């Protein structure tokens, strides 16, 4: 996800979401200690970062590289989320299952119909081979205006017809599920991205804002539908946006707050992200390279 001027919303606190504080004033050492405690206790899931330094989407990634990176995550998480079913990405859920992890597997959709077919076919194949716990048909294609709502619906319907026993959903910003009830109703599971940073929210308000985002999606979906936070996080370095300022202390505290709250409320979350990836600067500016819990060399940052 990245900043879009037309999507920029000014955070307004909602009376319907009770205020909640997990951490307040901690010393630097206390923050580091608590961060490591939460990480070592294990979180629900990480978004899997595929690419090492010098690599980018379009490069073919080996199973050995995926396995090497996955071993860093395995002690700290129950599951991983992948974003594509081609160019080596299809090996992510295979490796995850070999390590006993759960998987949220995505087909990356865009404006290229031939490429979309390859992705969808790959997702269905992986699912029928037992590597998919949750299937995600597309990631932020409505946010990016890559597909119309009607086109996306056709893809979701097709995957649902092929995968009768696996939950099928679509990943996008939380508010898309508020604004597009046809998509919300069609999905078996709501896969929402919640980023206070990309809406310019100060760190001090970020925890409350993230929770408010989640509850907006939940209200749109109804009480009976499964809701998963598929992305949320805070960058450790880079340029700010509005009141949102990157930094290691903020990144650690955001990780702590998000994961403790999700644990306490039994909310599924895939934290963004596992590793820093330099290629993201082309889409998101300098800050795009610093969303990982581990750095670009695979070393824990905090």
Protein backbone atom coordinates (compact mmCIF):
# COMPACT_ATOMS: atom_id res chain seq x y z
CA UNK A 1 0.00 0.00 0.00
CA UNK A 2 1.13 3.56 -0.50
CA UNK A 3 -0.15 7.12 -0.22
CA UNK A 4 -2.84 8.20 -2.67
CA UNK A 5 -3.98 11.80 -2.43
CA UNK A 6 -7.55 10.91 -3.34
CA UNK A 7 -7.57 8.27 -0.59
CA UNK A 8 -6.12 10.50 2.13
CA UNK A 9 -8.50 10.61 5.07
CA UNK A 10 -8.16 12.80 8.13
CA UNK A 11 -8.41 10.63 11.22
CA UNK A 12 -11.39 11.43 13.43
CA UNK A 13 -11.80 9.60 16.67
CA UNK A 14 -14.99 7.58 16.84
CA UNK A 15 -17.18 7.43 19.93
CA UNK A 16 -18.20 3.91 18.89
CA UNK A 17 -14.69 2.53 19.44
CA UNK A 18 -13.72 2.58 23.10
CA UNK A 19 -10.32 4.05 23.85
CA UNK A 20 -7.71 1.46 24.71
CA UNK A 21 -4.06 1.85 25.62
CA UNK A 22 -1.58 -1.02 25.73
CA UNK A 23 1.70 0.76 26.27
CA UNK A 24 2.26 4.27 27.48
CA UNK A 25 5.53 5.84 28.52
CA UNK A 26 8.32 3.25 28.38
CA UNK A 27 12.05 3.75 28.43
CA UNK A 28 14.01 2.69 25.38
CA UNK A 29 15.24 -0.46 27.11
CA UNK A 30 11.72 -1.34 28.30
CA UNK A 31 10.38 -0.98 24.75
CA UNK A 32 13.07 -3.24 23.31
CA UNK A 33 12.47 -5.84 26.03
CA UNK A 34 8.71 -5.87 25.46
CA UNK A 35 9.16 -6.01 21.69
CA UNK A 36 11.33 -9.12 22.02
CA UNK A 37 8.89 -10.68 24.48
CA UNK A 38 5.97 -10.27 22.05
CA UNK A 39 8.02 -11.48 19.08
CA UNK A 40 9.41 -14.50 20.91
CA UNK A 41 6.00 -15.48 22.26
CA UNK A 42 4.91 -15.68 18.61
CA UNK A 43 2.36 -13.78 16.53
CA UNK A 44 -0.45 -14.96 14.27
CA UNK A 45 1.23 -14.18 10.97
CA UNK A 46 3.74 -12.24 8.89
CA UNK A 47 3.47 -10.97 5.33
CA UNK A 48 6.33 -12.79 3.60
CA UNK A 49 8.93 -10.56 1.96
CA UNK A 50 10.34 -12.43 -1.03
CA UNK A 51 13.11 -10.27 -2.37
CA UNK A 52 16.69 -9.88 -1.22
CA UNK A 53 18.90 -6.89 -2.07
CA UNK A 54 19.05 -6.32 -5.84
CA UNK A 55 15.92 -8.37 -6.51
CA UNK A 56 12.45 -7.19 -7.47
CA UNK A 57 9.10 -8.51 -8.73
CA UNK A 58 9.67 -10.26 -12.04
CA UNK A 59 12.81 -12.02 -10.81
CA UNK A 60 12.53 -15.77 -10.33
CA UNK A 61 13.13 -16.69 -6.69
CA UNK A 62 14.49 -20.08 -5.66
CA UNK A 63 13.06 -22.44 -3.07
CA UNK A 64 16.38 -22.34 -1.20
CA UNK A 65 16.11 -18.58 -0.74
CA UNK A 66 12.50 -18.84 0.43
CA UNK A 67 13.41 -21.62 2.86
CA UNK A 68 16.34 -19.62 4.26
CA UNK A 69 14.13 -16.62 4.93
CA UNK A 70 11.24 -18.70 6.24
CA UNK A 71 13.49 -20.31 8.85
CA UNK A 72 13.99 -16.83 10.37
CA UNK A 73 10.24 -16.41 10.76
CA UNK A 74 9.27 -19.92 11.81
CA UNK A 75 10.08 -19.56 15.54
CA UNK A 76 8.03 -16.35 15.76
CA UNK A 77 4.80 -16.94 13.83
CA UNK A 78 2.04 -19.42 13.17
CA UNK A 79 1.52 -18.44 9.55
CA UNK A 80 2.58 -16.47 6.50
CA UNK A 81 0.83 -14.53 3.78
CA UNK A 82 2.06 -14.64 0.18
CA UNK A 83 1.09 -12.24 -2.59
CA UNK A 84 1.45 -14.11 -5.88
CA UNK A 85 1.41 -17.60 -7.40
CA UNK A 86 4.13 -17.15 -10.03
CA UNK A 87 7.89 -16.39 -10.33
CA UNK A 88 8.76 -18.48 -7.29
CA UNK A 89 6.01 -17.05 -5.11
CA UNK A 90 4.14 -20.32 -5.56
CA UNK A 91 6.87 -21.96 -3.46
CA UNK A 92 6.13 -19.81 -0.39
CA UNK A 93 3.11 -21.84 0.79
CA UNK A 94 4.91 -25.08 -0.06
CA UNK A 95 7.84 -24.17 2.21
CA UNK A 96 5.48 -22.84 4.88
CA UNK A 97 3.56 -26.11 4.99
CA UNK A 98 6.82 -28.07 5.15
CA UNK A 99 7.59 -26.06 8.31
CA UNK A 100 4.13 -26.63 9.78
CA UNK A 101 2.77 -23.11 9.22
CA UNK A 102 -0.63 -21.91 8.08
CA UNK A 103 -0.97 -20.02 4.78
CA UNK A 104 -2.92 -17.14 3.31
CA UNK A 105 -2.12 -17.38 -0.40
CA UNK A 106 -2.81 -14.57 -2.85
CA UNK A 107 -3.20 -14.40 -6.61
CA UNK A 108 -1.79 -11.07 -7.82
CA UNK A 109 -4.24 -9.49 -10.24
CA UNK A 110 -3.81 -6.48 -12.51
CA UNK A 111 -4.83 -5.23 -15.93
CA UNK A 112 -3.10 -8.07 -17.85
CA UNK A 113 -5.76 -10.74 -18.34
CA UNK A 114 -3.29 -13.39 -19.47
CA UNK A 115 -1.17 -12.86 -16.38
CA UNK A 116 -4.30 -12.90 -14.23
CA UNK A 117 -5.24 -16.31 -15.61
CA UNK A 118 -1.79 -17.65 -14.78
CA UNK A 119 -2.11 -16.35 -11.22
CA UNK A 120 -5.64 -17.72 -10.73
CA UNK A 121 -4.70 -21.11 -12.16
CA UNK A 122 -1.69 -21.20 -9.85
CA UNK A 123 -3.80 -20.37 -6.80
CA UNK A 124 -6.33 -23.09 -7.60
CA UNK A 125 -3.56 -25.63 -8.21
CA UNK A 126 -1.86 -24.85 -4.89
CA UNK A 127 -5.17 -25.06 -3.07
CA UNK A 128 -6.10 -28.42 -4.57
CA UNK A 129 -2.66 -29.74 -3.61
CA UNK A 130 -3.27 -28.79 0.04
CA UNK A 131 -1.04 -25.73 0.39
CA UNK A 132 -3.70 -23.06 0.91
CA UNK A 133 -5.66 -22.40 4.11
CA UNK A 134 -7.18 -19.12 2.87
CA UNK A 135 -7.28 -17.99 -0.77
CA UNK A 136 -6.99 -14.28 -1.61
CA UNK A 137 -8.18 -13.28 -5.08
CA UNK A 138 -6.33 -10.04 -5.76
CA UNK A 139 -4.60 -7.44 -3.63
CA UNK A 140 -5.73 -3.77 -3.70
CA UNK A 141 -6.81 -3.91 -7.35
CA UNK A 142 -9.74 -1.60 -6.57
CA UNK A 143 -7.47 0.75 -4.62
CA UNK A 144 -5.13 0.89 -7.63
CA UNK A 145 -8.01 0.97 -10.18
CA UNK A 146 -6.50 -2.02 -12.01
CA UNK A 147 -9.85 -3.81 -12.34
CA UNK A 148 -13.48 -2.79 -12.19
CA UNK A 149 -15.64 -4.13 -9.40
CA UNK A 150 -17.51 -6.27 -11.92
CA UNK A 151 -14.27 -7.81 -13.25
CA UNK A 152 -13.08 -8.59 -9.74
CA UNK A 153 -16.39 -10.20 -8.86
CA UNK A 154 -16.05 -12.55 -11.82
CA UNK A 155 -12.60 -13.67 -10.64
CA UNK A 156 -13.79 -14.24 -7.07
CA UNK A 157 -16.84 -16.18 -8.23
CA UNK A 158 -14.71 -18.41 -10.44
CA UNK A 159 -12.25 -19.24 -7.65
CA UNK A 160 -15.12 -19.95 -5.24
CA UNK A 161 -16.65 -22.33 -7.77
CA UNK A 162 -13.35 -24.23 -7.97
CA UNK A 163 -12.54 -24.25 -4.26
CA UNK A 164 -15.59 -25.41 -2.37
CA UNK A 165 -13.91 -26.18 0.96
CA UNK A 166 -11.44 -23.28 1.30
CA UNK A 167 -12.38 -19.74 2.43
CA UNK A 168 -12.01 -17.28 -0.45
CA UNK A 169 -11.62 -13.54 -0.02
CA UNK A 170 -10.13 -10.37 -1.46
CA UNK A 171 -7.51 -8.05 0.08
CA UNK A 172 -7.94 -4.29 0.11
CA UNK A 173 -8.01 -1.21 2.31
CA UNK A 174 -10.60 -1.49 5.07
CA UNK A 175 -12.88 1.20 3.62
CA UNK A 176 -13.33 -0.63 0.30
CA UNK A 177 -15.44 -3.19 2.17
CA UNK A 178 -17.58 -0.37 3.51
CA UNK A 179 -18.03 1.22 0.10
CA UNK A 180 -18.49 -1.98 -1.95
CA UNK A 181 -21.13 -4.22 -0.34
CA UNK A 182 -21.27 -6.56 -3.34
CA UNK A 183 -17.60 -7.49 -2.80
CA UNK A 184 -18.09 -7.76 0.95
CA UNK A 185 -21.09 -10.05 0.60
CA UNK A 186 -19.33 -12.29 -1.92
CA UNK A 187 -16.20 -12.90 0.16
CA UNK A 188 -16.15 -15.81 2.59
CA UNK A 189 -13.61 -13.89 4.64
CA UNK A 190 -12.84 -10.16 4.77
CA UNK A 191 -9.14 -9.45 4.27
CA UNK A 192 -8.55 -5.83 5.23
CA UNK A 193 -5.42 -3.68 5.22
CA UNK A 194 -5.25 -1.10 8.03
CA UNK A 195 -2.53 1.56 7.79
CA UNK A 196 -2.76 4.63 10.01
CA UNK A 197 0.65 5.69 8.64
CA UNK A 198 -0.62 6.01 5.06
CA UNK A 199 -3.44 8.26 6.29
CA UNK A 200 -0.97 10.61 7.98
CA UNK A 201 -1.99 9.71 11.52
CA UNK A 202 0.43 10.50 14.33
CA UNK A 203 1.91 7.56 16.18
CA UNK A 204 0.11 8.71 19.34
CA UNK A 205 -3.25 8.17 17.59
CA UNK A 206 -2.20 5.19 15.47
CA UNK A 207 -3.37 2.38 17.73
CA UNK A 208 -6.84 3.83 18.17
CA UNK A 209 -7.04 4.58 14.45
CA UNK A 210 -6.02 1.05 13.43
CA UNK A 211 -8.68 -0.41 15.71
CA UNK A 212 -11.26 1.96 14.24
CA UNK A 213 -10.33 0.81 10.73
CA UNK A 214 -10.83 -2.82 11.74
CA UNK A 215 -14.22 -2.14 13.32
CA UNK A 216 -15.42 -0.29 10.21
CA UNK A 217 -14.68 -3.36 8.11
CA UNK A 218 -16.23 -5.61 10.74
CA UNK A 219 -19.41 -3.56 10.85
CA UNK A 220 -19.69 -3.68 7.05
CA UNK A 221 -19.20 -7.46 7.03
CA UNK A 222 -21.54 -8.31 9.89
CA UNK A 223 -20.95 -10.35 13.02
CA UNK A 224 -20.97 -13.75 11.32
CA UNK A 225 -18.19 -13.14 8.79
CA UNK A 226 -14.51 -13.81 9.53
CA UNK A 227 -12.32 -10.69 9.50
CA UNK A 228 -8.54 -10.78 9.13
CA UNK A 229 -6.14 -7.83 9.25
CA UNK A 230 -3.97 -8.77 6.28
CA UNK A 231 -1.56 -5.84 6.58
CA UNK A 232 -0.68 -3.29 9.19
CA UNK A 233 2.65 -1.92 10.32
CA UNK A 234 4.85 1.11 10.89
CA UNK A 235 8.12 2.02 9.10
CA UNK A 236 11.34 2.32 11.05
CA UNK A 237 12.99 4.89 8.76
CA UNK A 238 12.21 7.28 5.89
CA UNK A 239 10.17 10.38 5.25
CA UNK A 240 7.05 11.24 7.22
CA UNK A 241 3.51 11.73 5.97
CA UNK A 242 1.37 14.34 7.66
CA UNK A 243 1.61 13.60 11.37
CA UNK A 244 2.98 10.10 10.79
CA UNK A 245 6.69 9.91 11.53
CA UNK A 246 8.82 6.79 10.97
CA UNK A 247 11.28 5.63 13.59
CA UNK A 248 12.53 2.53 15.34
CA UNK A 249 10.79 3.30 18.65
CA UNK A 250 7.48 3.93 16.92
CA UNK A 251 7.87 0.78 14.83
CA UNK A 252 8.53 -1.35 17.91
CA UNK A 253 5.64 0.13 19.87
CA UNK A 254 3.25 -0.23 16.95
CA UNK A 255 4.25 -3.91 16.60
CA UNK A 256 3.66 -4.44 20.32
CA UNK A 257 0.28 -2.70 20.39
CA UNK A 258 -1.10 -4.32 17.25
CA UNK A 259 -0.09 -7.85 18.15
CA UNK A 260 -1.03 -7.71 21.85
CA UNK A 261 -4.45 -6.33 20.99
CA UNK A 262 -5.05 -8.94 18.29
CA UNK A 263 -3.95 -11.68 20.68
CA UNK A 264 -6.22 -10.42 23.47
CA UNK A 265 -9.23 -9.97 21.16
CA UNK A 266 -8.59 -13.20 19.20
CA UNK A 267 -8.20 -11.25 15.93
CA UNK A 268 -6.16 -12.76 13.12
CA UNK A 269 -3.37 -10.55 11.80
CA UNK A 270 -0.59 -10.77 9.23
CA UNK A 271 1.94 -8.13 10.19
CA UNK A 272 3.61 -6.07 7.47
CA UNK A 273 6.29 -6.87 7.06
CA UNK A 274 8.86 -9.57 7.71
CA UNK A 275 11.95 -8.18 5.90
CA UNK A 276 12.94 -4.79 4.51
CA UNK A 277 12.86 -4.74 0.69
CA UNK A 278 14.77 -2.03 -1.18
CA UNK A 279 12.81 -2.37 -4.44
CA UNK A 280 9.76 -0.79 -2.78
CA UNK A 281 11.28 2.70 -2.98
CA UNK A 282 10.17 2.85 -6.62
CA UNK A 283 6.50 2.72 -5.55
CA UNK A 284 6.50 4.21 -2.08
CA UNK A 285 9.55 6.46 -1.81
CA UNK A 286 12.37 6.02 0.72
CA UNK A 287 10.00 4.88 3.46
CA UNK A 288 8.94 1.87 1.37
CA UNK A 289 12.23 0.11 2.09
CA UNK A 290 11.83 0.07 5.89
CA UNK A 291 8.66 -1.79 6.92
CA UNK A 292 10.36 -5.02 7.96
CA UNK A 293 10.99 -6.44 11.41
CA UNK A 294 14.21 -7.84 9.93
CA UNK A 295 16.46 -5.69 7.74
CA UNK A 296 17.37 -6.31 4.09
CA UNK A 297 20.22 -8.61 5.19
CA UNK A 298 17.94 -10.74 7.34
CA UNK A 299 19.11 -9.31 10.68
CA UNK A 300 16.60 -8.39 13.38
CA UNK A 301 16.38 -4.59 13.43
CA UNK A 302 15.41 -3.94 17.01
